[in-house]
Amino acid sequence: MKIELKNIKHSEFASQETHCYQATIYIDGKRVGAVENQGHGGCDSVHPYQVAQQIDAYAKTLPKTVCNFIDPDTGKPAEMEQTHETIFGDIVNSWLVAKDLKRALSKRVLYLKDGGVYQTKAMASDALRRYLSEPKLGTLYQDKTILNLLPFDQALTIYRGATA
């Protein structure tokens, strides 16, 4: 089952404990409903509710999500069952990271150095384009990977890994 959220609208200022957002839900390329969250720590609201039930049934077949906190009973990272909320949360988080990267790539040179992503000062878009097309760019950034020059999906994978 391929689950997608499209037409995502996110409100940073209204997001308190959870993301405040709304989106259209697609399953296997077909529009099936909508989801929204008010951003106050409550549950996602899915319309129609049967879509949430369908995704929850599918989520039970997926591996547990490993959390970034330690379970005091086991001393190991906690694990939790996936639900429509964890799936939607992951999609929204990924969308926000991609949006952040697109914004940064449009204004700055981003490069990988010592396992971290670094950036230059902001530039106008035409100045950035000229800078990235400079023949001496390779010598300035020798042994560094310039994210601006990579396909977006590859740059996003590096960006996620370095900023996680």
Foldseek 3Di string as FASTA:
>chain_A
DDKAWPPKDWDPVQADPATFIKTFIDDPRHTDWIWGDRNPPDDIDIPPCVVQVVQQVVQQPDDWDFDPDADVVPRHTDTHGDGVRVVVRVNVVLVVLLVVVVVQLQFWWWKADPLAIDTDDGDHNVVSVVQVPDPCNCVVQPPIGTLNPDDSVVSSVSNVRRVD
